[in-house]
Amino acid sequence: MKSERAAKSERLERAEKREKILARPKLLIVEDDLGLSAQLRWVLSDFDTMIADNCETGLQILQREKPRIVILDLGLPPHPNDATEGLRFLRAALALRPATKIIVATGNEDHANALEAISLGAYDFCAKPVEQQVLKTIVQRALNVCGLEEEIETLRGMQQNEPLAGLIAASPEMFRICRMIERVSGSNVGVMITGESGTGKDLVARAIHRLSPRKDHPFIAINCAAIPENLLESELFGHERGAFTGAVRQAIGKIECAHRGTLFLDEIGDMAPALQAKLLRFLQDKTVVRVGGHKPIDVDVRVISATNQDLTALMEAGRFREDLFYRLNEIGIHMPPLRDRAGDAVLIAQFLLKKHRLALHSRVTGFSAEAISLIEAYSWPGNVRELENRIKRAVVMAESKQIGAADLGLSKEEPAAGGALKSLREIREDAERRAIIRTLAQTSGNISQAAKLLGVSRPTFYGMLKTLQIARVDS
């Protein structure tokens, strides 16, 4: 009786054989000479080979099995002495499966039909009697082309699903925001961006401007919390010479500077009530009057605002005008905190590592596995701003080529944030997304290594990137 170890070994061996069989590319031979088709099957034993001896059977197999490569004899029944049936198969096959690579096998005296087949879309041809090595080379080259085309198509799909330029993201939440940005950019409505400090509200504002018809005109940003109240009015609306002590010359305000472009009012919740009233008049009339001036000046500006405060609470407290809120917040975009964006922290960390190691001429090339785990688990109360601060510090302080947990200054004891309840499908997708991003970070974006570590093929890995909407950030 076999030992348990021997039985287990046999099961593993059978499983490996099945896996190899399943992994073999499919190839269809359309040939009515049974001896030749058997010879071709033997020569191409590395493929999962199927055989058809006529046009109709070949088309049925093609539609059902979807082989990547077809070897076609042009002389098929019921007209084996001419190329009628073979060319009919070629036309129908390419209509059904345009990406299939069809290699025509033809006699030396049938060169004209071979050229016609090439003109119809056949990949290549080889002469009969078939030389084994020549055929293997042609088939392998066709298989390589198939692989490249599949990768290009996958990357094209990934490009369509990538977040907007300047926004590094993989989470479904951020992809929804990116699609929303694309929709609102073409209009002229006021957009208010809310969210915790450090979530990237300014990046969203710039993305909206960059995608808008105003993209060739100025993007002017002003932080309402960073400028003293008595100076903010002059900054926004400008002033005339002599309007106040120290106004020795005329100054153009930020609103005028943004003419035909976009004005971004960051931290709008910190604007004083008196200035809120003047801003509201500008939004209604589209004119500004400089401090100390009397002449209204027409200005064409789109206003985007942002705040990390609860404006509803401020309105209830009488500290923010309700009418101004509705003028600014025609469309609202809420930026989720980094802790609620599955997989984004590791992806952004990889991008920031590349950015700062180049700027600081550092020899650091990647993250240790422990560092990646900590980046993923940490709650990031300071959001992306805190993440960038820690990455920049780590690039400077790291003593080896890999950033470790100690370089980041993160502790295992720091709790990961909780989130809203999710479905099993969402939980599974989040887990897959995190695993893929973590592995890409660990391999510095190397697709082949990442696929090998995860135990999947490159095409499968590309498919997962596309399905989960993960954009690569190469180091």
Foldseek 3Di string as FASTA:
>chain_A
DDDPVVVVVVVVVVVVVVVQQVPFAEEEEAAQPVVLVVVVCVLVVSHNYDYHQFLVVRQVCCLVVVGQEYEFEQQGPPRNPDRPRRLVSLLSSCVRPVRRAYEYEEAPVCVVVQVVSVVSPHNYYAYPVGDSVVVVVSVVVSVVVSVVVLLVVLVVLLVVQAAFPPDAAQFPLRSVLRVVLLVPLADQAFEEEEEAAPLCPVSSVLRSQCNYPLVVADEAEDEQVVDDQVCVLCQAQWAADPLDPPRNHTTHHRQQRQASGEYEYEAVLPHFPVVLVQVLVCLVPQWGAHRVGDDTHHGDYRYYYYHHDDVVVCVVVVGHDPSSCCRNHVDYHYRYAPLARQQRQLRLLLQLLVVQCVVVVALAQAADLQLLVQSRFAQPPNGNVLSSVLSNQLSVPPPDNHRYPVSSVGDPPHGRDDDDDDDPVVVVLSVVSNLLSSLCRVVQNDQCSSCVVVVHDSSVSSVNCSVSSHDTDHD
